């Protein structure tokens, strides 16, 4: 297994575990009727972490490819990052409530 695969595996694992903990804690607080604000914050944090995990994976890939001086894959991965960010901005813009 290459270094990049190990690092990406760690990033993905950390993202999923962190997201799962936040979502689980938020769900438990919601079900027991605990602090609604805290439950909502945990649920939102869990979703944001889950959505940010693939972006973190792309950022790690860019850094690793650049360190290896593999400029073709660095550029291609930068294109993927721009596409991810553009789709997030478009979703926010087109789903904005007036």
C-alpha atoms as a PDB file:
ATOM      1  CA  UNK A   1       0.000   0.000   0.000  1.00  0.00           C
ATOM      2  CA  UNK A   2       1.382   3.392  -0.974  1.00  0.00           C
ATOM      3  CA  UNK A   3       1.809   6.349   1.337  1.00  0.00           C
ATOM      4  CA  UNK A   4      -0.981   8.235  -0.454  1.00  0.00           C
ATOM      5  CA  UNK A   5      -3.402   5.344   0.057  1.00  0.00           C
ATOM      6  CA  UNK A   6      -2.567   5.189   3.777  1.00  0.00           C
ATOM      7  CA  UNK A   7      -3.025   8.923   4.247  1.00  0.00           C
ATOM      8  CA  UNK A   8      -6.289   8.998   2.289  1.00  0.00           C
ATOM      9  CA  UNK A   9      -7.537   5.989   4.240  1.00  0.00           C
ATOM     10  CA  UNK A  10      -6.782   7.809   7.484  1.00  0.00           C
ATOM     11  CA  UNK A  11      -8.541  10.989   6.322  1.00  0.00           C
ATOM     12  CA  UNK A  12     -11.622   9.085   5.198  1.00  0.00           C
ATOM     13  CA  UNK A  13     -11.706   7.010   8.370  1.00  0.00           C
ATOM     14  CA  UNK A  14     -11.366  10.102  10.587  1.00  0.00           C
ATOM     15  CA  UNK A  15     -14.095  11.914   8.672  1.00  0.00           C
ATOM     16  CA  UNK A  16     -16.568   9.056   8.840  1.00  0.00           C
ATOM     17  CA  UNK A  17     -15.870   8.336  12.516  1.00  0.00           C
ATOM     18  CA  UNK A  18     -16.131  12.007  13.515  1.00  0.00           C
ATOM     19  CA  UNK A  19     -19.307  12.439  11.498  1.00  0.00           C
ATOM     20  CA  UNK A  20     -20.823   9.280  12.946  1.00  0.00           C
ATOM     21  CA  UNK A  21     -20.067  10.359  16.511  1.00  0.00           C
ATOM     22  CA  UNK A  22     -21.625  13.788  15.953  1.00  0.00           C
ATOM     23  CA  UNK A  23     -24.683  12.364  14.196  1.00  0.00           C
ATOM     24  CA  UNK A  24     -25.130   9.646  16.812  1.00  0.00           C
ATOM     25  CA  UNK A  25     -24.821  12.055  19.716  1.00  0.00           C
ATOM     26  CA  UNK A  26     -27.225  14.478  18.054  1.00  0.00           C
ATOM     27  CA  UNK A  27     -29.715  11.683  17.435  1.00  0.00           C
ATOM     28  CA  UNK A  28     -29.512  10.491  21.039  1.00  0.00           C
ATOM     29  CA  UNK A  29     -30.027  14.036  22.336  1.00  0.00           C
ATOM     30  CA  UNK A  30     -32.997  14.447  20.017  1.00  0.00           C
ATOM     31  CA  UNK A  31     -34.589  11.158  21.075  1.00  0.00           C
ATOM     32  CA  UNK A  32     -34.201  11.772  24.810  1.00  0.00           C
ATOM     33  CA  UNK A  33     -35.531  15.297  24.467  1.00  0.00           C
ATOM     34  CA  UNK A  34     -32.290  16.904  25.549  1.00  0.00           C
ATOM     35  CA  UNK A  35     -31.048  20.316  24.614  1.00  0.00           C
ATOM     36  CA  UNK A  36     -32.532  20.958  21.184  1.00  0.00           C
ATOM     37  CA  UNK A  37     -29.884  23.533  20.279  1.00  0.00           C
ATOM     38  CA  UNK A  38     -27.033  21.158  21.132  1.00  0.00           C
ATOM     39  CA  UNK A  39     -28.690  18.278  19.263  1.00  0.00           C
ATOM     40  CA  UNK A  40     -29.205  20.456  16.207  1.00  0.00           C
ATOM     41  CA  UNK A  41     -25.602  21.695  16.318  1.00  0.00           C
ATOM     42  CA  UNK A  42     -24.280  18.126  16.551  1.00  0.00           C
ATOM     43  CA  UNK A  43     -26.459  16.945  13.668  1.00  0.00           C
ATOM     44  CA  UNK A  44     -25.390  19.852  11.480  1.00  0.00           C
ATOM     45  CA  UNK A  45     -21.743  19.339  12.389  1.00  0.00           C
ATOM     46  CA  UNK A  46     -22.014  15.650  11.506  1.00  0.00           C
ATOM     47  CA  UNK A  47     -23.453  16.419   8.078  1.00  0.00           C
ATOM     48  CA  UNK A  48     -20.859  19.132   7.385  1.00  0.00           C
ATOM     49  CA  UNK A  49     -17.987  16.833   8.393  1.00  0.00           C
ATOM     50  CA  UNK A  50     -19.397  14.070   6.200  1.00  0.00           C
ATOM     51  CA  UNK A  51     -19.664  16.436   3.232  1.00  0.00           C
ATOM     52  CA  UNK A  52     -16.182  17.868   3.856  1.00  0.00           C
ATOM     53  CA  UNK A  53     -14.509  14.447   3.985  1.00  0.00           C
ATOM     54  CA  UNK A  54     -14.217  13.987   0.178  1.00  0.00           C
ATOM     55  CA  UNK A  55     -12.907  17.551  -0.145  1.00  0.00           C
ATOM     56  CA  UNK A  56     -10.247  16.775   2.463  1.00  0.00           C
ATOM     57  CA  UNK A  57      -9.329  13.671   0.481  1.00  0.00           C
ATOM     58  CA  UNK A  58      -8.838  15.764  -2.651  1.00  0.00           C
ATOM     59  CA  UNK A  59      -6.729  18.317  -0.751  1.00  0.00           C
ATOM     60  CA  UNK A  60      -4.500  15.540   0.611  1.00  0.00           C
ATOM     61  CA  UNK A  61      -4.130  14.125  -2.899  1.00  0.00           C
ATOM     62  CA  UNK A  62      -3.121  17.517  -4.299  1.00  0.00           C
ATOM     63  CA  UNK A  63      -0.488  17.958  -1.596  1.00  0.00           C
ATOM     64  CA  UNK A  64       0.909  14.466  -2.083  1.00  0.00           C
ATOM     65  CA  UNK A  65       1.025  14.692  -5.899  1.00  0.00           C
ATOM     66  CA  UNK A  66       2.709  18.106  -5.682  1.00  0.00           C
ATOM     67  CA  UNK A  67       5.260  16.742  -3.210  1.00  0.00           C
ATOM     68  CA  UNK A  68       5.983  13.898  -5.645  1.00  0.00           C
ATOM     69  CA  UNK A  69       6.257  16.479  -8.444  1.00  0.00           C
ATOM     70  CA  UNK A  70       3.609  14.630 -10.427  1.00  0.00           C
ATOM     71  CA  UNK A  71       2.276  17.773 -12.070  1.00  0.00           C
ATOM     72  CA  UNK A  72      -0.222  16.034 -14.333  1.00  0.00           C
ATOM     73  CA  UNK A  73      -2.068  14.443 -11.407  1.00  0.00           C
ATOM     74  CA  UNK A  74      -1.684  17.620  -9.359  1.00  0.00           C
ATOM     75  CA  UNK A  75      -3.427  19.582 -12.113  1.00  0.00           C
ATOM     76  CA  UNK A  76      -6.134  16.958 -12.619  1.00  0.00           C
ATOM     77  CA  UNK A  77      -6.834  16.823  -8.894  1.00  0.00           C
ATOM     78  CA  UNK A  78      -6.974  20.620  -8.759  1.00  0.00           C
ATOM     79  CA  UNK A  79      -9.623  20.461 -11.495  1.00  0.00           C
ATOM     80  CA  UNK A  80     -11.605  18.023  -9.346  1.00  0.00           C
ATOM     81  CA  UNK A  81     -11.323  20.409  -6.379  1.00  0.00           C
ATOM     82  CA  UNK A  82     -12.540  23.348  -8.478  1.00  0.00           C
ATOM     83  CA  UNK A  83     -15.479  21.254  -9.698  1.00  0.00           C
ATOM     84  CA  UNK A  84     -16.387  20.280  -6.134  1.00  0.00           C
ATOM     85  CA  UNK A  85     -16.213  23.876  -4.948  1.00  0.00           C
ATOM     86  CA  UNK A  86     -18.135  25.166  -7.987  1.00  0.00           C
ATOM     87  CA  UNK A  87     -20.917  22.658  -7.402  1.00  0.00           C
ATOM     88  CA  UNK A  88     -21.153  23.666  -3.733  1.00  0.00           C
ATOM     89  CA  UNK A  89     -21.306  27.354  -4.644  1.00  0.00           C
ATOM     90  CA  UNK A  90     -23.897  26.663  -7.353  1.00  0.00           C
ATOM     91  CA  UNK A  91     -26.017  24.659  -4.914  1.00  0.00           C
ATOM     92  CA  UNK A  92     -25.892  27.472  -2.378  1.00  0.00           C
ATOM     93  CA  UNK A  93     -26.643  30.117  -5.001  1.00  0.00           C
ATOM     94  CA  UNK A  94     -29.490  28.327  -6.765  1.00  0.00           C
ATOM     95  CA  UNK A  95     -31.133  27.090  -3.577  1.00  0.00           C
ATOM     96  CA  UNK A  96     -30.978  30.451  -1.833  1.00  0.00           C
ATOM     97  CA  UNK A  97     -34.260  31.512  -0.333  1.00  0.00           C
ATOM     98  CA  UNK A  98     -35.388  35.038  -1.027  1.00  0.00           C
END
